[in-house]
N, C-alpha and C. Protein backbone atom coordinates (compact mmCIF):
# COMPACT_ATOMS: atom_id res chain seq x y z
N MET A 1 0.87 -1.22 -0.07
CA MET A 1 0.03 0.00 0.00
C MET A 1 0.82 1.29 -0.07
N ARG A 2 2.04 1.19 0.61
CA ARG A 2 2.85 2.41 0.58
C ARG A 2 3.22 2.79 -0.84
N VAL A 3 3.36 1.95 -1.84
CA VAL A 3 3.79 2.38 -3.13
C VAL A 3 2.46 3.06 -3.68
N PHE A 4 1.30 2.43 -3.45
CA PHE A 4 0.12 3.18 -4.04
C PHE A 4 0.04 4.52 -3.48
N TRP A 5 0.23 4.84 -2.06
CA TRP A 5 0.13 6.12 -1.64
C TRP A 5 1.18 7.12 -2.21
N TYR A 6 2.40 6.46 -2.36
CA TYR A 6 3.44 7.20 -2.81
C TYR A 6 3.26 7.75 -4.18
N ALA A 7 2.66 6.79 -5.01
CA ALA A 7 2.24 7.16 -6.40
C ALA A 7 1.36 8.22 -6.33
N TRP A 8 0.26 8.06 -5.62
CA TRP A 8 -0.69 9.14 -5.53
C TRP A 8 -0.14 10.48 -5.15
N GLY A 9 0.77 10.52 -4.17
CA GLY A 9 1.48 11.70 -3.91
C GLY A 9 2.23 12.29 -4.94
N VAL A 10 3.04 11.54 -5.68
CA VAL A 10 3.74 12.00 -6.70
C VAL A 10 2.88 12.66 -7.86
N LEU A 11 1.85 11.90 -8.18
CA LEU A 11 0.88 12.41 -9.12
C LEU A 11 0.15 13.64 -8.78
N ALA A 12 -0.29 13.74 -7.47
CA ALA A 12 -0.88 14.97 -7.05
C ALA A 12 0.11 16.12 -6.90
N LEU A 13 1.15 15.90 -6.43
CA LEU A 13 2.24 16.97 -6.45
C LEU A 13 2.49 17.43 -7.74
N ALA A 14 2.89 16.62 -8.77
CA ALA A 14 3.05 16.90 -10.26
C ALA A 14 1.91 17.72 -10.77
N MET A 15 0.77 17.49 -10.52
CA MET A 15 -0.32 18.18 -11.06
C MET A 15 -0.44 19.46 -10.21
N GLY A 16 -0.13 19.56 -9.03
CA GLY A 16 -0.24 20.70 -8.32
C GLY A 16 1.02 21.71 -8.85
N ALA A 17 2.06 21.12 -9.12
CA ALA A 17 3.14 22.06 -9.55
C ALA A 17 2.78 22.52 -11.06
N LEU A 18 1.98 21.81 -11.89
CA LEU A 18 1.63 22.20 -13.08
C LEU A 18 0.63 23.36 -12.90
N GLY A 19 -0.11 23.27 -11.88
CA GLY A 19 -1.13 24.22 -11.58
C GLY A 19 -0.66 25.40 -11.12
N VAL A 20 0.49 25.61 -10.88
CA VAL A 20 1.33 26.95 -10.55
C VAL A 20 1.29 27.80 -11.83
N VAL A 21 1.36 27.04 -12.99
CA VAL A 21 1.60 27.76 -14.28
C VAL A 21 0.33 27.54 -15.17
N LEU A 22 -0.39 26.62 -14.90
CA LEU A 22 -1.63 26.30 -15.68
C LEU A 22 -2.93 26.53 -14.81
N PRO A 23 -3.66 27.56 -15.29
CA PRO A 23 -4.79 27.96 -14.40
C PRO A 23 -5.85 26.99 -14.17
N ILE A 24 -5.81 25.94 -15.10
CA ILE A 24 -6.80 24.85 -15.09
C ILE A 24 -6.75 23.90 -14.00
N LEU A 25 -5.53 23.89 -13.30
CA LEU A 25 -5.24 22.96 -12.31
C LEU A 25 -5.19 23.62 -10.86
N PRO A 26 -5.96 23.22 -9.91
CA PRO A 26 -5.86 23.88 -8.58
C PRO A 26 -4.77 23.48 -7.67
N THR A 27 -3.77 24.31 -7.53
CA THR A 27 -2.57 23.92 -6.79
C THR A 27 -2.72 23.63 -5.37
N THR A 28 -3.53 24.47 -4.70
CA THR A 28 -3.65 24.20 -3.03
C THR A 28 -4.17 22.88 -2.88
N PRO A 29 -5.45 22.55 -3.34
CA PRO A 29 -6.05 21.08 -3.03
C PRO A 29 -5.16 20.10 -3.43
N LEU A 30 -4.37 20.03 -4.59
CA LEU A 30 -3.48 19.14 -4.95
C LEU A 30 -2.29 18.93 -3.94
N VAL A 31 -1.67 20.04 -3.57
CA VAL A 31 -0.65 19.97 -2.72
C VAL A 31 -1.11 19.32 -1.32
N ILE A 32 -2.27 19.59 -0.91
CA ILE A 32 -2.77 19.04 0.26
C ILE A 32 -3.08 17.64 0.12
N LEU A 33 -3.65 17.23 -0.95
CA LEU A 33 -3.76 15.76 -1.36
C LEU A 33 -2.32 15.05 -1.21
N ALA A 34 -1.41 15.65 -1.94
CA ALA A 34 -0.01 15.05 -1.97
C ALA A 34 0.55 14.88 -0.55
N ALA A 35 0.34 15.98 0.35
CA ALA A 35 0.70 15.74 1.62
C ALA A 35 0.03 14.59 2.50
N PHE A 36 -1.22 14.37 2.22
CA PHE A 36 -1.98 13.34 2.82
C PHE A 36 -1.36 11.91 2.27
N ALA A 37 -1.30 11.86 0.95
CA ALA A 37 -0.76 10.72 0.34
C ALA A 37 0.68 10.26 0.83
N PHE A 38 1.48 11.37 0.88
CA PHE A 38 2.85 11.00 1.32
C PHE A 38 2.92 10.59 2.75
N GLY A 39 2.09 11.16 3.60
CA GLY A 39 1.96 10.84 4.91
C GLY A 39 1.64 9.36 5.06
N LYS A 40 0.95 8.78 4.10
CA LYS A 40 0.75 7.36 4.41
C LYS A 40 1.83 6.54 3.55
N GLY A 41 2.46 7.13 2.53
CA GLY A 41 3.44 6.29 1.58
C GLY A 41 4.79 6.59 1.85
N SER A 42 5.23 7.73 2.29
CA SER A 42 6.58 8.15 2.47
C SER A 42 6.75 9.32 3.37
N PRO A 43 6.85 9.08 4.71
CA PRO A 43 6.90 10.05 5.66
C PRO A 43 8.09 10.94 5.52
N ARG A 44 9.19 10.46 4.93
CA ARG A 44 10.19 11.37 4.63
C ARG A 44 10.04 12.46 3.59
N VAL A 45 9.25 11.96 2.50
CA VAL A 45 8.77 12.99 1.57
C VAL A 45 7.71 13.97 2.07
N ALA A 46 6.88 13.48 2.96
CA ALA A 46 5.82 14.27 3.59
C ALA A 46 6.42 15.22 4.35
N ALA A 47 7.50 14.87 5.18
CA ALA A 47 8.17 15.89 5.98
C ALA A 47 8.88 16.97 5.22
N ALA A 48 9.50 16.57 4.04
CA ALA A 48 10.15 17.56 3.18
C ALA A 48 9.02 18.46 2.53
N LEU A 49 7.91 17.99 2.27
CA LEU A 49 6.82 18.79 1.64
C LEU A 49 6.29 19.80 2.71
N GLU A 50 6.10 19.43 3.92
CA GLU A 50 5.58 20.18 5.02
C GLU A 50 6.61 21.25 5.31
N ALA A 51 7.91 20.89 5.23
CA ALA A 51 9.01 21.95 5.45
C ALA A 51 9.21 22.98 4.40
N HIS A 52 8.72 22.72 3.26
CA HIS A 52 8.86 23.51 1.95
C HIS A 52 8.32 25.04 2.38
N HIS A 53 9.11 26.04 2.01
CA HIS A 53 8.79 27.34 2.29
C HIS A 53 7.52 27.82 1.68
N LEU A 54 7.07 27.30 0.61
CA LEU A 54 5.81 27.76 0.04
C LEU A 54 4.66 26.82 0.35
N PHE A 55 4.89 25.50 0.24
CA PHE A 55 3.75 24.58 0.61
C PHE A 55 3.44 24.26 1.92
N GLY A 56 4.65 24.37 2.88
CA GLY A 56 4.37 23.99 4.15
C GLY A 56 3.35 24.69 5.01
N PRO A 57 3.33 26.14 4.83
CA PRO A 57 2.31 26.80 5.53
C PRO A 57 0.83 26.51 5.00
N ILE A 58 0.61 26.35 3.77
CA ILE A 58 -0.65 25.86 3.21
C ILE A 58 -1.01 24.51 3.94
N ILE A 59 -0.16 23.58 3.98
CA ILE A 59 -0.54 22.29 4.64
C ILE A 59 -0.88 22.47 6.05
N ALA A 60 -0.04 23.22 6.69
CA ALA A 60 -0.19 23.35 8.18
C ALA A 60 -1.57 24.12 8.54
N GLU A 61 -1.82 25.15 7.69
CA GLU A 61 -3.11 25.82 8.03
C GLU A 61 -4.42 24.91 7.79
N TRP A 62 -4.23 24.05 6.71
CA TRP A 62 -5.28 23.15 6.21
C TRP A 62 -5.43 22.15 7.48
N ARG A 63 -4.37 21.49 7.84
CA ARG A 63 -4.46 20.54 8.88
C ARG A 63 -4.87 21.06 10.19
N ALA A 64 -4.39 22.27 10.71
CA ALA A 64 -4.88 22.89 11.87
C ALA A 64 -6.40 23.34 11.93
N HIS A 65 -6.73 23.97 10.82
CA HIS A 65 -7.91 24.67 10.87
C HIS A 65 -8.86 24.37 9.64
N GLY A 66 -8.39 23.44 8.65
CA GLY A 66 -9.22 23.41 7.53
C GLY A 66 -9.17 24.70 6.78
N ALA A 67 -8.25 25.52 6.85
CA ALA A 67 -8.29 26.88 6.47
C ALA A 67 -7.43 27.09 5.23
N ILE A 68 -7.86 28.07 4.29
CA ILE A 68 -7.19 28.46 3.15
C ILE A 68 -6.97 30.07 3.32
N ALA A 69 -5.78 30.51 3.07
CA ALA A 69 -5.32 31.85 3.36
C ALA A 69 -6.19 32.72 2.26
N PRO A 70 -6.60 33.85 2.48
CA PRO A 70 -7.38 34.75 1.65
C PRO A 70 -6.58 34.98 0.22
N ARG A 71 -5.32 35.09 0.43
CA ARG A 71 -4.53 35.24 -0.91
C ARG A 71 -4.64 34.16 -1.77
N TYR A 72 -4.53 32.94 -1.25
CA TYR A 72 -4.78 31.68 -2.12
C TYR A 72 -6.21 31.64 -2.66
N LYS A 73 -7.16 32.08 -1.74
CA LYS A 73 -8.64 32.08 -2.24
C LYS A 73 -8.66 32.92 -3.44
N VAL A 74 -8.07 34.11 -3.36
CA VAL A 74 -8.24 35.22 -4.51
C VAL A 74 -7.75 34.48 -5.67
N VAL A 75 -6.43 33.92 -5.57
CA VAL A 75 -5.59 33.36 -6.72
C VAL A 75 -6.48 32.30 -7.39
N ALA A 76 -7.01 31.36 -6.64
CA ALA A 76 -7.84 30.22 -6.95
C ALA A 76 -9.10 30.77 -7.79
N LEU A 77 -9.80 31.72 -7.24
CA LEU A 77 -11.00 32.18 -7.85
C LEU A 77 -10.65 32.92 -9.18
N ALA A 78 -9.60 33.68 -9.00
CA ALA A 78 -9.21 34.50 -10.42
C ALA A 78 -8.75 33.40 -11.55
N MET A 79 -8.11 32.32 -11.09
CA MET A 79 -7.70 31.28 -12.02
C MET A 79 -8.94 30.61 -12.61
N MET A 80 -9.94 30.34 -11.76
CA MET A 80 -11.13 29.79 -12.25
C MET A 80 -11.85 30.61 -13.07
N ALA A 81 -11.97 31.82 -12.91
CA ALA A 81 -12.66 32.92 -13.62
C ALA A 81 -12.03 32.77 -15.07
N ALA A 82 -10.58 32.88 -15.18
CA ALA A 82 -9.78 32.94 -16.23
C ALA A 82 -10.04 31.76 -17.21
N VAL A 83 -10.09 30.59 -16.55
CA VAL A 83 -10.35 29.44 -17.38
C VAL A 83 -11.67 29.43 -18.08
N LEU A 84 -12.69 29.90 -17.39
CA LEU A 84 -14.08 30.07 -17.94
C LEU A 84 -14.05 31.14 -18.99
N ALA A 85 -13.38 32.29 -18.83
CA ALA A 85 -13.45 33.34 -19.69
C ALA A 85 -12.62 32.89 -21.03
N ILE A 86 -11.49 32.14 -20.85
CA ILE A 86 -10.72 31.53 -21.95
C ILE A 86 -11.55 30.60 -22.75
N SER A 87 -12.24 29.75 -22.03
CA SER A 87 -13.17 28.84 -22.80
C SER A 87 -14.27 29.49 -23.57
N PHE A 88 -14.63 30.50 -23.03
CA PHE A 88 -15.68 31.39 -23.81
C PHE A 88 -15.12 32.01 -24.98
N LEU A 89 -13.87 32.55 -24.84
CA LEU A 89 -13.24 33.20 -25.99
C LEU A 89 -12.87 32.36 -26.98
N ILE A 90 -12.38 31.03 -26.61
CA ILE A 90 -11.89 30.11 -27.59
C ILE A 90 -13.18 29.59 -28.56
N GLY A 91 -14.42 29.73 -27.80
CA GLY A 91 -15.63 29.32 -28.56
C GLY A 91 -16.04 27.93 -28.24
N PHE A 92 -15.70 27.47 -27.08
CA PHE A 92 -16.24 26.27 -26.69
C PHE A 92 -17.83 26.25 -26.65
N SER A 93 -18.49 25.31 -26.94
CA SER A 93 -19.85 25.11 -26.97
C SER A 93 -20.44 25.41 -25.59
N LEU A 94 -21.78 25.92 -25.74
CA LEU A 94 -22.41 26.33 -24.50
C LEU A 94 -22.61 25.19 -23.53
N PRO A 95 -22.80 23.98 -23.89
CA PRO A 95 -22.90 22.92 -22.94
C PRO A 95 -21.63 22.66 -22.28
N VAL A 96 -20.52 22.75 -22.99
CA VAL A 96 -19.33 22.63 -22.33
C VAL A 96 -18.98 23.79 -21.26
N ILE A 97 -19.22 24.93 -21.70
CA ILE A 97 -19.14 26.04 -20.81
C ILE A 97 -20.02 26.03 -19.63
N ALA A 98 -21.19 25.49 -19.77
CA ALA A 98 -22.15 25.27 -18.63
C ALA A 98 -21.59 24.37 -17.69
N ILE A 99 -20.99 23.10 -18.20
CA ILE A 99 -20.43 22.07 -17.27
C ILE A 99 -19.31 22.70 -16.55
N GLN A 100 -18.50 23.35 -17.22
CA GLN A 100 -17.29 24.18 -16.54
C GLN A 100 -17.91 24.90 -15.46
N ALA A 101 -18.90 25.84 -15.66
CA ALA A 101 -19.32 26.76 -14.86
C ALA A 101 -19.90 26.09 -13.66
N ILE A 102 -20.57 25.02 -13.86
CA ILE A 102 -21.10 24.26 -12.67
C ILE A 102 -19.90 23.74 -11.75
N CYS A 103 -18.98 23.24 -12.38
CA CYS A 103 -17.84 22.58 -11.65
C CYS A 103 -17.24 23.71 -10.87
N ILE A 104 -16.85 24.90 -11.57
CA ILE A 104 -16.15 26.09 -11.05
C ILE A 104 -17.06 26.58 -9.89
N ALA A 105 -18.25 26.69 -10.20
CA ALA A 105 -19.08 27.16 -9.01
C ALA A 105 -19.08 26.23 -7.67
N GLY A 106 -18.97 24.92 -7.94
CA GLY A 106 -18.87 24.08 -6.87
C GLY A 106 -17.45 24.17 -6.04
N ALA A 107 -16.59 24.26 -6.67
CA ALA A 107 -15.09 24.47 -6.34
C ALA A 107 -15.07 25.89 -5.63
N ALA A 108 -15.62 26.88 -6.27
CA ALA A 108 -15.54 28.19 -5.58
C ALA A 108 -16.20 28.31 -4.35
N THR A 109 -17.37 27.59 -4.29
CA THR A 109 -18.23 27.52 -3.06
C THR A 109 -17.49 26.85 -1.90
N PHE A 110 -16.79 25.77 -2.25
CA PHE A 110 -15.96 25.05 -1.33
C PHE A 110 -14.88 25.91 -0.73
N ILE A 111 -14.17 26.58 -1.68
CA ILE A 111 -12.98 27.44 -1.35
C ILE A 111 -13.51 28.57 -0.41
N LEU A 112 -14.56 29.16 -0.90
CA LEU A 112 -15.05 30.38 -0.04
C LEU A 112 -15.49 29.91 1.44
N SER A 113 -16.03 28.64 1.41
CA SER A 113 -16.66 28.24 2.68
C SER A 113 -15.56 27.88 3.68
N ARG A 114 -14.45 27.75 3.42
CA ARG A 114 -13.28 27.44 4.25
C ARG A 114 -12.88 28.64 4.97
N PRO A 115 -12.47 28.45 6.39
CA PRO A 115 -12.09 29.64 7.23
C PRO A 115 -10.76 30.19 6.45
N ASN A 116 -10.58 31.43 6.83
CA ASN A 116 -9.36 32.15 6.27
C ASN A 116 -8.13 31.67 7.31
N GLY A 117 -6.99 31.35 6.56
CA GLY A 117 -5.77 31.01 7.19
C GLY A 117 -4.98 32.24 7.35
N ALA A 118 -3.79 32.11 7.91
CA ALA A 118 -3.08 33.33 8.29
C ALA A 118 -1.97 33.55 7.25
N ALA A 119 -1.80 32.63 6.34
CA ALA A 119 -0.68 32.82 5.34
C ALA A 119 -0.77 33.90 4.44
């Protein structure tokens, strides 16, 4: 099972890293998922991720309070809005845009419902 959790951690962290530059992937939830998976699959990698200067505070706030810092909320919401706008400008069909809008609304509702962290 350790290999399974380690693989999930690597996948989530890789997707989270891509999310730093691609607005379609949400970095914060993927980093939190990676920390969870590494905690079960590789405590050494989990400790390194938790000690990271950028990701460590995000993970600590989530674990302590289920919180997301306001600046990360703003970035997440802005990226979601950008993806929706780009989809519209590219000319995606209305059903595709509607599905995106529903998914984004759900994700935005979840993000906004979390307490504010300190980071």
